[in-house]
Amino acid sequence: MMYKRLKEELHDKGEMMIRFTSGEEAELHLHNTEFVEEPFIKVDADDEIHWFNAEEVERYYIHKEF
């Protein structure tokens, strides 16, 4: 369920922050995030690839700068 919500929100907003149950956070951007196979999300950063499990995401939010 979180996998689908993250995918839809990212396509709608273009970027988002996710917070894991461990307390760690990560930022997702539409241009470098791939929803591979549920529940896995692949983020191709400049110099490394990160794999995230959507089932470990506690919450997500959109941050805006004013």
C-alpha atoms as a PDB file:
ATOM      1  CA  MET A   1       0.000   0.000   0.000  1.00  0.00           C
ATOM      2  CA  MET A   2       2.783   2.488   0.883  1.00  0.00           C
ATOM      3  CA  TYR A   3       4.601   1.558  -2.349  1.00  0.00           C
ATOM      4  CA  LYS A   4       1.613   2.632  -4.454  1.00  0.00           C
ATOM      5  CA  ARG A   5       1.044   5.839  -2.437  1.00  0.00           C
ATOM      6  CA  LEU A   6       4.716   6.835  -2.744  1.00  0.00           C
ATOM      7  CA  LYS A   7       4.711   6.171  -6.477  1.00  0.00           C
ATOM      8  CA  GLU A   8       1.554   8.218  -7.051  1.00  0.00           C
ATOM      9  CA  GLU A   9       2.655  11.127  -4.859  1.00  0.00           C
ATOM     10  CA  LEU A  10       6.118  11.290  -6.424  1.00  0.00           C
ATOM     11  CA  HIS A  11       4.635  11.400  -9.914  1.00  0.00           C
ATOM     12  CA  ASP A  12       2.256  14.122  -8.772  1.00  0.00           C
ATOM     13  CA  LYS A  13       4.701  16.298  -6.764  1.00  0.00           C
ATOM     14  CA  GLY A  14       8.074  15.538  -8.402  1.00  0.00           C
ATOM     15  CA  GLU A  15       9.958  15.155  -5.116  1.00  0.00           C
ATOM     16  CA  MET A  16       9.330  14.098  -1.535  1.00  0.00           C
ATOM     17  CA  MET A  17      10.973  13.166   1.721  1.00  0.00           C
ATOM     18  CA  ILE A  18      10.486   9.740   3.252  1.00  0.00           C
ATOM     19  CA  ARG A  19      11.115   8.710   6.848  1.00  0.00           C
ATOM     20  CA  PHE A  20      11.823   5.108   7.769  1.00  0.00           C
ATOM     21  CA  THR A  21      10.831   3.285  10.943  1.00  0.00           C
ATOM     22  CA  SER A  22      14.535   3.441  11.893  1.00  0.00           C
ATOM     23  CA  GLY A  23      14.345   7.264  11.961  1.00  0.00           C
ATOM     24  CA  GLU A  24      16.497   7.725   8.858  1.00  0.00           C
ATOM     25  CA  GLU A  25      15.257   9.986   6.083  1.00  0.00           C
ATOM     26  CA  ALA A  26      15.795  10.115   2.343  1.00  0.00           C
ATOM     27  CA  GLU A  27      14.712  12.377  -0.483  1.00  0.00           C
ATOM     28  CA  LEU A  28      13.120  11.023  -3.639  1.00  0.00           C
ATOM     29  CA  HIS A  29      13.168  12.881  -6.972  1.00  0.00           C
ATOM     30  CA  LEU A  30      11.164  11.885 -10.011  1.00  0.00           C
ATOM     31  CA  HIS A  31      14.173  12.089 -12.339  1.00  0.00           C
ATOM     32  CA  ASN A  32      16.288   9.479 -10.496  1.00  0.00           C
ATOM     33  CA  THR A  33      13.783   7.252  -8.685  1.00  0.00           C
ATOM     34  CA  GLU A  34      12.514   3.995 -10.117  1.00  0.00           C
ATOM     35  CA  PHE A  35       9.753   1.867  -8.627  1.00  0.00           C
ATOM     36  CA  VAL A  36      11.212  -1.484  -9.595  1.00  0.00           C
ATOM     37  CA  GLU A  37       9.118  -4.247  -8.120  1.00  0.00           C
ATOM     38  CA  GLU A  38       6.942  -3.861  -5.068  1.00  0.00           C
ATOM     39  CA  PRO A  39       8.106  -3.072  -2.405  1.00  0.00           C
ATOM     40  CA  PHE A  40      11.522  -1.973  -3.717  1.00  0.00           C
ATOM     41  CA  ILE A  41      12.457   1.543  -4.795  1.00  0.00           C
ATOM     42  CA  LYS A  42      15.737   2.300  -6.560  1.00  0.00           C
ATOM     43  CA  VAL A  43      17.360   5.738  -6.363  1.00  0.00           C
ATOM     44  CA  ASP A  44      20.248   6.385  -8.741  1.00  0.00           C
ATOM     45  CA  ALA A  45      22.259   9.111  -6.997  1.00  0.00           C
ATOM     46  CA  ASP A  46      25.254  10.763  -8.646  1.00  0.00           C
ATOM     47  CA  ASP A  47      27.850   8.309  -7.426  1.00  0.00           C
ATOM     48  CA  GLU A  48      25.863   5.430  -5.905  1.00  0.00           C
ATOM     49  CA  ILE A  49      22.607   3.514  -6.057  1.00  0.00           C
ATOM     50  CA  HIS A  50      20.297   3.269  -3.058  1.00  0.00           C
ATOM     51  CA  TRP A  51      17.635   0.611  -2.554  1.00  0.00           C
ATOM     52  CA  PHE A  52      14.700   1.301  -0.255  1.00  0.00           C
ATOM     53  CA  ASN A  53      11.941  -0.953   0.985  1.00  0.00           C
ATOM     54  CA  ALA A  54       8.590   0.853   0.908  1.00  0.00           C
ATOM     55  CA  GLU A  55       7.323  -1.380   3.705  1.00  0.00           C
ATOM     56  CA  GLU A  56       9.864   0.280   6.031  1.00  0.00           C
ATOM     57  CA  VAL A  57       8.614   3.806   5.287  1.00  0.00           C
ATOM     58  CA  GLU A  58       6.865   5.255   8.320  1.00  0.00           C
ATOM     59  CA  ARG A  59       5.704   8.461   6.630  1.00  0.00           C
ATOM     60  CA  TYR A  60       6.360  10.781   3.727  1.00  0.00           C
ATOM     61  CA  TYR A  61       6.046  14.503   3.307  1.00  0.00           C
ATOM     62  CA  ILE A  62       6.504  17.229   0.763  1.00  0.00           C
ATOM     63  CA  HIS A  63       8.804  20.055   1.756  1.00  0.00           C
ATOM     64  CA  LYS A  64       8.503  23.503   0.258  1.00  0.00           C
ATOM     65  CA  GLU A  65      10.845  26.434   0.483  1.00  0.00           C
ATOM     66  CA  PHE A  66       9.308  29.854   0.952  1.00  0.00           C
END
